[in-house]
Amino acid sequence: MDLSGSWEYIQKISKSRLANNKTIHHVSEYGEGIEVLGAAGEVVARRFLGLPEKLHEGFDNGIDIWTHGMKIDVKATVLTPKMAYRYLQWPTWKPVKSDIILLTAIDPVTMQGTVLGYATKDEIEGAPINEFRHIPCHEIPAVNLHPAWELVVRQLNGAR
């Protein structure tokens, strides 16, 4: 998905989020580009789901999108040729507040993005924990995620 037409907006939102949400964890471990990836991922998700592309500028309390009774938290990773070796990761200390965790991938150089798939709250909480990471995380391989099109079907069916 081409994000070039929205890139200025994505950067504006990222800058606002950094001004309001700057945490040692985000910036020291991942750099300020983490907010750009996150905002771009949310634009990709909203486009994919046919929703308005207006993004929040402050803390989201673990829910980026509410649609058809579904609470969705959007996560973003860097789009690389080795996506099959990526994981949807969730820190063990962090409560899951959404029903759905949607993983997107962004290439900030080409301003392209895609939706990779999703996992449910129960799947995240039940996923194996990788204790060898700097921060222990539940991990689900990207190739094991539900296909994103299922979310569109869930929307059409009223999120049953």
N, C-alpha and C. Protein backbone atom coordinates (compact mmCIF):
# COMPACT_ATOMS: atom_id res chain seq x y z
N MET A 1 0.85 -1.16 0.00
CA MET A 1 0.00 0.00 0.00
C MET A 1 0.91 1.24 0.00
N ASP A 2 0.63 2.13 -0.91
CA ASP A 2 1.43 3.35 -1.04
C ASP A 2 1.01 4.37 0.02
N LEU A 3 1.96 4.76 0.87
CA LEU A 3 1.68 5.71 1.94
C LEU A 3 2.26 7.10 1.66
N SER A 4 2.85 7.27 0.48
CA SER A 4 3.56 8.53 0.20
C SER A 4 2.65 9.75 0.33
N GLY A 5 1.40 9.65 -0.07
CA GLY A 5 0.48 10.77 0.02
C GLY A 5 0.10 11.12 1.46
N SER A 6 0.29 10.18 2.38
CA SER A 6 -0.04 10.40 3.79
C SER A 6 1.19 10.57 4.65
N TRP A 7 2.38 10.51 4.05
CA TRP A 7 3.61 10.48 4.85
C TRP A 7 3.80 11.75 5.69
N GLU A 8 3.44 12.90 5.15
CA GLU A 8 3.57 14.15 5.91
C GLU A 8 2.66 14.10 7.14
N TYR A 9 1.44 13.60 6.98
CA TYR A 9 0.51 13.45 8.10
C TYR A 9 1.07 12.45 9.12
N ILE A 10 1.60 11.32 8.65
CA ILE A 10 2.19 10.30 9.52
C ILE A 10 3.32 10.92 10.35
N GLN A 11 4.16 11.71 9.72
CA GLN A 11 5.27 12.33 10.44
C GLN A 11 4.76 13.36 11.46
N LYS A 12 3.72 14.10 11.09
CA LYS A 12 3.13 15.08 12.01
C LYS A 12 2.57 14.37 13.25
N ILE A 13 1.83 13.30 13.05
CA ILE A 13 1.28 12.54 14.17
C ILE A 13 2.40 11.96 15.03
N SER A 14 3.43 11.44 14.39
CA SER A 14 4.57 10.86 15.11
C SER A 14 5.24 11.89 16.00
N LYS A 15 5.42 13.07 15.44
CA LYS A 15 6.05 14.16 16.20
C LYS A 15 5.20 14.54 17.41
N SER A 16 3.90 14.62 17.20
CA SER A 16 2.98 14.95 18.29
C SER A 16 3.01 13.86 19.36
N ARG A 17 3.00 12.60 18.94
CA ARG A 17 3.05 11.49 19.89
C ARG A 17 4.34 11.52 20.69
N LEU A 18 5.44 11.80 20.03
CA LEU A 18 6.72 11.86 20.74
C LEU A 18 6.72 12.99 21.77
N ALA A 19 6.12 14.11 21.42
CA ALA A 19 6.07 15.23 22.36
C ALA A 19 5.22 14.90 23.58
N ASN A 20 4.17 14.09 23.37
CA ASN A 20 3.24 13.77 24.45
C ASN A 20 3.51 12.43 25.14
N ASN A 21 4.11 11.50 24.43
CA ASN A 21 4.23 10.12 24.92
C ASN A 21 5.66 9.66 25.12
N LYS A 22 6.62 10.51 24.96
CA LYS A 22 8.01 10.07 24.96
C LYS A 22 8.31 9.29 26.24
N THR A 23 8.69 8.04 26.06
CA THR A 23 9.08 7.21 27.19
C THR A 23 10.51 6.73 26.97
N ILE A 24 11.18 6.47 28.05
CA ILE A 24 12.55 5.98 27.94
C ILE A 24 12.58 4.69 27.15
N HIS A 25 11.61 3.82 27.38
CA HIS A 25 11.55 2.53 26.70
C HIS A 25 11.49 2.71 25.18
N HIS A 26 10.55 3.51 24.72
CA HIS A 26 10.39 3.70 23.28
C HIS A 26 11.64 4.28 22.63
N VAL A 27 12.08 5.40 23.14
CA VAL A 27 13.12 6.16 22.45
C VAL A 27 14.50 5.55 22.64
N SER A 28 14.82 5.12 23.86
CA SER A 28 16.18 4.62 24.08
C SER A 28 16.42 3.28 23.40
N GLU A 29 15.41 2.43 23.36
CA GLU A 29 15.61 1.11 22.78
C GLU A 29 15.37 1.06 21.28
N TYR A 30 14.48 1.87 20.78
CA TYR A 30 14.07 1.75 19.39
C TYR A 30 14.31 3.00 18.55
N GLY A 31 14.59 4.11 19.17
CA GLY A 31 14.77 5.36 18.43
C GLY A 31 13.43 6.00 18.13
N GLU A 32 13.49 7.26 17.71
CA GLU A 32 12.26 8.01 17.47
C GLU A 32 11.48 7.49 16.26
N GLY A 33 12.15 6.74 15.38
CA GLY A 33 11.46 6.17 14.21
C GLY A 33 10.38 5.18 14.57
N ILE A 34 10.38 4.69 15.82
CA ILE A 34 9.36 3.74 16.24
C ILE A 34 7.97 4.36 16.16
N GLU A 35 7.86 5.65 16.42
CA GLU A 35 6.56 6.32 16.34
C GLU A 35 6.10 6.47 14.88
N VAL A 36 7.05 6.69 13.97
CA VAL A 36 6.70 6.78 12.54
C VAL A 36 6.16 5.43 12.08
N LEU A 37 6.86 4.34 12.44
CA LEU A 37 6.38 3.00 12.06
C LEU A 37 4.99 2.76 12.62
N GLY A 38 4.78 3.12 13.88
CA GLY A 38 3.48 2.89 14.50
C GLY A 38 2.35 3.66 13.84
N ALA A 39 2.58 4.93 13.57
CA ALA A 39 1.55 5.74 12.92
C ALA A 39 1.28 5.24 11.50
N ALA A 40 2.34 4.89 10.78
CA ALA A 40 2.17 4.36 9.42
C ALA A 40 1.39 3.04 9.46
N GLY A 41 1.69 2.20 10.45
CA GLY A 41 0.96 0.94 10.60
C GLY A 41 -0.51 1.16 10.84
N GLU A 42 -0.83 2.17 11.62
CA GLU A 42 -2.24 2.48 11.88
C GLU A 42 -2.95 2.99 10.64
N VAL A 43 -2.27 3.78 9.82
CA VAL A 43 -2.86 4.24 8.56
C VAL A 43 -3.14 3.03 7.66
N VAL A 44 -2.17 2.13 7.56
CA VAL A 44 -2.35 0.92 6.74
C VAL A 44 -3.56 0.13 7.24
N ALA A 45 -3.65 -0.07 8.55
CA ALA A 45 -4.76 -0.84 9.12
C ALA A 45 -6.10 -0.17 8.83
N ARG A 46 -6.17 1.14 9.02
CA ARG A 46 -7.41 1.86 8.79
C ARG A 46 -7.83 1.79 7.32
N ARG A 47 -6.87 1.94 6.42
CA ARG A 47 -7.20 1.82 4.99
C ARG A 47 -7.70 0.43 4.68
N PHE A 48 -7.01 -0.57 5.19
CA PHE A 48 -7.38 -1.96 4.93
C PHE A 48 -8.80 -2.25 5.40
N LEU A 49 -9.16 -1.68 6.56
CA LEU A 49 -10.49 -1.92 7.12
C LEU A 49 -11.55 -0.95 6.61
N GLY A 50 -11.14 -0.02 5.73
CA GLY A 50 -12.08 0.94 5.16
C GLY A 50 -12.54 1.99 6.16
N LEU A 51 -11.65 2.36 7.08
CA LEU A 51 -11.99 3.33 8.12
C LEU A 51 -11.31 4.67 7.86
N PRO A 52 -11.83 5.76 8.43
CA PRO A 52 -11.17 7.05 8.29
C PRO A 52 -9.73 6.99 8.82
N GLU A 53 -8.86 7.77 8.21
CA GLU A 53 -7.44 7.72 8.55
C GLU A 53 -7.04 8.73 9.62
N LYS A 54 -7.96 9.15 10.44
CA LYS A 54 -7.64 10.08 11.53
C LYS A 54 -7.05 9.27 12.68
N LEU A 55 -5.82 9.65 13.09
CA LEU A 55 -5.11 8.94 14.14
C LEU A 55 -5.12 9.73 15.45
N HIS A 56 -5.03 9.03 16.56
CA HIS A 56 -4.93 9.66 17.87
C HIS A 56 -3.52 10.24 18.04
N GLU A 57 -3.41 11.28 18.85
CA GLU A 57 -2.11 11.91 19.06
C GLU A 57 -1.56 11.68 20.46
N GLY A 58 -2.35 11.12 21.35
CA GLY A 58 -1.90 10.86 22.71
C GLY A 58 -1.85 9.37 22.99
N PHE A 59 -1.86 9.01 24.27
CA PHE A 59 -1.88 7.60 24.64
C PHE A 59 -3.19 6.99 24.18
N ASP A 60 -3.10 5.74 23.71
CA ASP A 60 -4.30 5.08 23.20
C ASP A 60 -4.87 4.05 24.17
N ASN A 61 -4.22 3.86 25.31
CA ASN A 61 -4.67 2.87 26.30
C ASN A 61 -4.79 1.47 25.73
N GLY A 62 -3.95 1.15 24.76
CA GLY A 62 -3.91 -0.21 24.23
C GLY A 62 -4.93 -0.53 23.17
N ILE A 63 -5.66 0.49 22.71
CA ILE A 63 -6.68 0.28 21.67
C ILE A 63 -6.51 1.37 20.62
N ASP A 64 -6.11 0.97 19.42
CA ASP A 64 -5.93 1.93 18.33
C ASP A 64 -7.21 2.13 17.52
N ILE A 65 -8.00 1.07 17.38
CA ILE A 65 -9.19 1.11 16.52
C ILE A 65 -10.33 0.38 17.22
N TRP A 66 -11.50 1.00 17.20
CA TRP A 66 -12.74 0.35 17.62
C TRP A 66 -13.61 0.26 16.38
N THR A 67 -13.97 -0.92 15.98
CA THR A 67 -14.84 -1.07 14.82
C THR A 67 -15.71 -2.32 14.98
N HIS A 68 -16.99 -2.17 14.74
CA HIS A 68 -17.93 -3.27 14.78
C HIS A 68 -17.78 -4.11 16.05
N GLY A 69 -17.61 -3.45 17.17
CA GLY A 69 -17.49 -4.15 18.44
C GLY A 69 -16.13 -4.76 18.70
N MET A 70 -15.19 -4.58 17.79
CA MET A 70 -13.83 -5.12 17.97
C MET A 70 -12.89 -4.02 18.43
N LYS A 71 -12.08 -4.33 19.44
CA LYS A 71 -11.02 -3.44 19.89
C LYS A 71 -9.72 -3.98 19.28
N ILE A 72 -9.04 -3.14 18.50
CA ILE A 72 -7.85 -3.57 17.76
C ILE A 72 -6.65 -2.73 18.17
N ASP A 73 -5.56 -3.42 18.50
CA ASP A 73 -4.28 -2.76 18.74
C ASP A 73 -3.40 -3.06 17.54
N VAL A 74 -2.88 -2.03 16.90
CA VAL A 74 -2.07 -2.19 15.70
C VAL A 74 -0.59 -2.16 16.10
N LYS A 75 0.15 -3.14 15.64
CA LYS A 75 1.59 -3.20 15.83
C LYS A 75 2.25 -3.12 14.46
N ALA A 76 3.44 -2.56 14.43
CA ALA A 76 4.15 -2.41 13.15
C ALA A 76 5.58 -2.89 13.30
N THR A 77 6.08 -3.46 12.23
CA THR A 77 7.47 -3.88 12.14
C THR A 77 8.01 -3.37 10.82
N VAL A 78 9.30 -3.46 10.64
CA VAL A 78 9.91 -3.01 9.39
C VAL A 78 9.69 -4.09 8.33
N LEU A 79 9.26 -3.66 7.16
CA LEU A 79 9.03 -4.56 6.04
C LEU A 79 10.37 -4.96 5.44
N THR A 80 10.66 -6.25 5.47
CA THR A 80 11.91 -6.78 4.92
C THR A 80 11.61 -7.99 4.06
N PRO A 81 12.57 -8.42 3.24
CA PRO A 81 12.36 -9.64 2.45
C PRO A 81 12.23 -10.90 3.31
N LYS A 82 12.59 -10.82 4.58
CA LYS A 82 12.56 -12.00 5.45
C LYS A 82 11.40 -11.95 6.45
N MET A 83 10.23 -11.51 5.99
CA MET A 83 9.06 -11.39 6.87
C MET A 83 8.67 -12.74 7.47
N ALA A 84 8.96 -13.82 6.78
CA ALA A 84 8.60 -15.15 7.29
C ALA A 84 9.32 -15.46 8.60
N TYR A 85 10.36 -14.71 8.91
CA TYR A 85 11.12 -14.95 10.14
C TYR A 85 10.83 -13.91 11.22
N ARG A 86 9.81 -13.10 11.01
CA ARG A 86 9.39 -12.09 11.99
C ARG A 86 8.34 -12.68 12.92
N TYR A 87 8.16 -12.01 14.07
CA TYR A 87 7.20 -12.44 15.07
C TYR A 87 6.31 -11.28 15.49
N LEU A 88 5.08 -11.61 15.85
CA LEU A 88 4.25 -10.68 16.59
C LEU A 88 4.65 -10.90 18.04
N GLN A 89 5.17 -9.86 18.67
CA GLN A 89 5.70 -9.98 20.02
C GLN A 89 4.88 -9.14 20.99
N TRP A 90 4.73 -9.66 22.20
CA TRP A 90 3.99 -8.96 23.23
C TRP A 90 4.73 -9.13 24.55
N PRO A 91 5.21 -8.02 25.15
CA PRO A 91 5.94 -8.13 26.42
C PRO A 91 5.09 -8.82 27.50
N THR A 92 5.70 -9.69 28.26
CA THR A 92 4.96 -10.44 29.28
C THR A 92 4.38 -9.54 30.37
N TRP A 93 4.98 -8.40 30.62
CA TRP A 93 4.52 -7.50 31.68
C TRP A 93 3.33 -6.65 31.26
N LYS A 94 3.05 -6.59 29.96
CA LYS A 94 2.04 -5.67 29.45
C LYS A 94 0.68 -6.35 29.29
N PRO A 95 -0.37 -5.83 29.93
CA PRO A 95 -1.70 -6.43 29.76
C PRO A 95 -2.22 -6.21 28.33
N VAL A 96 -2.94 -7.18 27.81
CA VAL A 96 -3.56 -7.06 26.49
C VAL A 96 -4.96 -6.49 26.69
N LYS A 97 -5.20 -5.30 26.14
CA LYS A 97 -6.47 -4.62 26.34
C LYS A 97 -7.40 -4.70 25.12
N SER A 98 -6.88 -5.17 24.00
CA SER A 98 -7.67 -5.27 22.78
C SER A 98 -8.08 -6.72 22.53
N ASP A 99 -9.11 -6.88 21.70
CA ASP A 99 -9.55 -8.22 21.31
C ASP A 99 -8.64 -8.80 20.23
N ILE A 100 -8.11 -7.90 19.39
CA ILE A 100 -7.33 -8.27 18.22
C ILE A 100 -6.02 -7.49 18.22
N ILE A 101 -4.92 -8.18 17.92
CA ILE A 101 -3.63 -7.52 17.73
C ILE A 101 -3.29 -7.72 16.26
N LEU A 102 -3.23 -6.62 15.52
CA LEU A 102 -3.02 -6.64 14.07
C LEU A 102 -1.59 -6.23 13.76
N LEU A 103 -0.86 -7.08 13.06
CA LEU A 103 0.52 -6.79 12.72
C LEU A 103 0.62 -6.24 11.30
N THR A 104 1.26 -5.09 11.19
CA THR A 104 1.52 -4.46 9.90
C THR A 104 3.02 -4.40 9.68
N ALA A 105 3.42 -4.18 8.43
CA ALA A 105 4.84 -4.02 8.10
C ALA A 105 4.99 -2.78 7.24
N ILE A 106 6.01 -1.99 7.56
CA ILE A 106 6.21 -0.70 6.92
C ILE A 106 7.64 -0.60 6.39
N ASP A 107 7.79 -0.07 5.18
CA ASP A 107 9.10 0.29 4.65
C ASP A 107 9.15 1.82 4.64
N PRO A 108 9.84 2.43 5.62
CA PRO A 108 9.85 3.89 5.69
C PRO A 108 10.63 4.55 4.56
N VAL A 109 11.49 3.82 3.88
CA VAL A 109 12.26 4.40 2.77
C VAL A 109 11.37 4.56 1.54
N THR A 110 10.63 3.50 1.19
CA THR A 110 9.76 3.55 0.01
C THR A 110 8.35 4.04 0.35
N MET A 111 8.06 4.21 1.66
CA MET A 111 6.74 4.63 2.14
C MET A 111 5.65 3.67 1.69
N GLN A 112 5.94 2.38 1.84
CA GLN A 112 5.00 1.32 1.52
C GLN A 112 4.64 0.58 2.80
N GLY A 113 3.45 0.01 2.84
CA GLY A 113 3.03 -0.76 4.00
C GLY A 113 2.06 -1.85 3.61
N THR A 114 1.94 -2.83 4.50
CA THR A 114 1.01 -3.93 4.28
C THR A 114 0.52 -4.46 5.61
N VAL A 115 -0.59 -5.16 5.57
CA VAL A 115 -1.12 -5.85 6.74
C VAL A 115 -0.64 -7.29 6.66
N LEU A 116 -0.03 -7.78 7.73
CA LEU A 116 0.49 -9.15 7.72
C LEU A 116 -0.51 -10.17 8.24
N GLY A 117 -1.22 -9.85 9.30
CA GLY A 117 -2.17 -10.78 9.89
C GLY A 117 -2.46 -10.36 11.32
N TYR A 118 -3.21 -11.22 12.02
CA TYR A 118 -3.60 -10.86 13.38
C TYR A 118 -3.64 -12.07 14.29
N ALA A 119 -3.66 -11.79 15.57
CA ALA A 119 -3.87 -12.79 16.61
C ALA A 119 -4.91 -12.23 17.58
N THR A 120 -5.60 -13.13 18.25
CA THR A 120 -6.57 -12.71 19.26
C THR A 120 -5.86 -12.50 20.60
N LYS A 121 -6.55 -11.85 21.50
CA LYS A 121 -6.03 -11.63 22.85
C LYS A 121 -5.64 -12.95 23.49
N ASP A 122 -6.52 -13.95 23.41
CA ASP A 122 -6.24 -15.25 24.02
C ASP A 122 -5.02 -15.91 23.39
N GLU A 123 -4.86 -15.76 22.07
CA GLU A 123 -3.70 -16.35 21.41
C GLU A 123 -2.40 -15.69 21.84
N ILE A 124 -2.44 -14.37 22.01
CA ILE A 124 -1.25 -13.65 22.48
C ILE A 124 -0.90 -14.12 23.90
N GLU A 125 -1.90 -14.12 24.76
CA GLU A 125 -1.65 -14.49 26.16
C GLU A 125 -1.20 -15.94 26.31
N GLY A 126 -1.61 -16.80 25.37
CA GLY A 126 -1.23 -18.21 25.44
C GLY A 126 0.00 -18.58 24.62
N ALA A 127 0.56 -17.59 23.93
CA ALA A 127 1.72 -17.87 23.06
C ALA A 127 2.97 -18.16 23.90
N PRO A 128 3.87 -18.95 23.34
CA PRO A 128 5.13 -19.23 24.05
C PRO A 128 5.88 -17.94 24.37
N ILE A 129 6.61 -17.98 25.45
CA ILE A 129 7.40 -16.82 25.89
C ILE A 129 8.85 -17.05 25.52
N ASN A 130 9.43 -16.06 24.86
CA ASN A 130 10.85 -16.09 24.55
C ASN A 130 11.57 -15.36 25.68
N GLU A 131 12.20 -16.12 26.56
CA GLU A 131 12.91 -15.57 27.72
C GLU A 131 14.28 -15.01 27.34
N PHE A 132 14.72 -15.27 26.10
CA PHE A 132 16.06 -14.87 25.69
C PHE A 132 16.11 -13.45 25.12
N ARG A 133 14.98 -12.82 24.96
CA ARG A 133 14.95 -11.43 24.50
C ARG A 133 15.31 -10.51 25.66
N HIS A 134 15.70 -9.29 25.31
CA HIS A 134 16.01 -8.29 26.33
C HIS A 134 14.83 -8.12 27.29
N ILE A 135 13.64 -8.10 26.71
CA ILE A 135 12.40 -8.07 27.48
C ILE A 135 11.64 -9.34 27.09
N PRO A 136 11.39 -10.25 28.03
CA PRO A 136 10.66 -11.47 27.68
C PRO A 136 9.32 -11.15 27.01
N CYS A 137 9.05 -11.84 25.92
CA CYS A 137 7.84 -11.58 25.12
C CYS A 137 7.14 -12.87 24.75
N HIS A 138 5.80 -12.78 24.71
CA HIS A 138 5.03 -13.81 24.03
C HIS A 138 5.32 -13.61 22.55
N GLU A 139 5.48 -14.70 21.81
CA GLU A 139 5.79 -14.57 20.38
C GLU A 139 4.96 -15.53 19.54
N ILE A 140 4.45 -14.97 18.44
CA ILE A 140 3.74 -15.77 17.44
C ILE A 140 4.42 -15.48 16.10
N PRO A 141 4.92 -16.51 15.41
CA PRO A 141 5.54 -16.27 14.10
C PRO A 141 4.54 -15.61 13.15
N ALA A 142 5.02 -14.66 12.37
CA ALA A 142 4.14 -13.96 11.42
C ALA A 142 3.41 -14.93 10.50
N VAL A 143 4.07 -16.02 10.13
CA VAL A 143 3.44 -16.99 9.22
C VAL A 143 2.29 -17.76 9.90
N ASN A 144 2.20 -17.69 11.23
CA ASN A 144 1.12 -18.38 11.95
C ASN A 144 -0.05 -17.47 12.30
N LEU A 145 0.01 -16.22 11.91
CA LEU A 145 -1.09 -15.29 12.20
C LEU A 145 -2.30 -15.60 11.34
N HIS A 146 -3.47 -15.20 11.81
CA HIS A 146 -4.68 -15.31 11.00
C HIS A 146 -4.54 -14.38 9.80
N PRO A 147 -5.04 -14.77 8.63
CA PRO A 147 -4.99 -13.85 7.49
C PRO A 147 -5.85 -12.62 7.75
N ALA A 148 -5.34 -11.47 7.35
CA ALA A 148 -6.00 -10.20 7.63
C ALA A 148 -7.40 -10.11 7.04
N TRP A 149 -7.65 -10.78 5.92
CA TRP A 149 -8.97 -10.68 5.30
C TRP A 149 -10.07 -11.16 6.23
N GLU A 150 -9.73 -12.03 7.18
CA GLU A 150 -10.75 -12.51 8.12
C GLU A 150 -11.34 -11.37 8.95
N LEU A 151 -10.56 -10.32 9.19
CA LEU A 151 -11.08 -9.17 9.93
C LEU A 151 -12.17 -8.46 9.15
N VAL A 152 -12.00 -8.38 7.85
CA VAL A 152 -13.02 -7.74 7.01
C VAL A 152 -14.30 -8.56 7.07
N VAL A 153 -14.18 -9.88 7.03
CA VAL A 153 -15.35 -10.75 7.14
C VAL A 153 -16.01 -10.56 8.51
N ARG A 154 -15.18 -10.45 9.55
CA ARG A 154 -15.73 -10.22 10.90
C ARG A 154 -16.49 -8.90 10.94
N GLN A 155 -15.97 -7.87 10.27
CA GLN A 155 -16.67 -6.58 10.21
C GLN A 155 -18.02 -6.76 9.54
N LEU A 156 -18.03 -7.46 8.41
CA LEU A 156 -19.26 -7.65 7.65
C LEU A 156 -20.30 -8.43 8.45
N ASN A 157 -19.81 -9.32 9.30
CA ASN A 157 -20.70 -10.16 10.11
C ASN A 157 -20.97 -9.56 11.49
N GLY A 158 -20.61 -8.31 11.68
CA GLY A 158 -20.85 -7.66 12.96
C GLY A 158 -19.89 -8.16 14.05
N ALA A 159 -18.70 -8.59 13.67
CA ALA A 159 -17.64 -9.02 14.60
C ALA A 159 -18.04 -10.22 15.43
N ARG A 160 -18.73 -11.16 14.83
CA ARG A 160 -19.07 -12.39 15.57
C ARG A 160 -17.88 -13.29 15.69
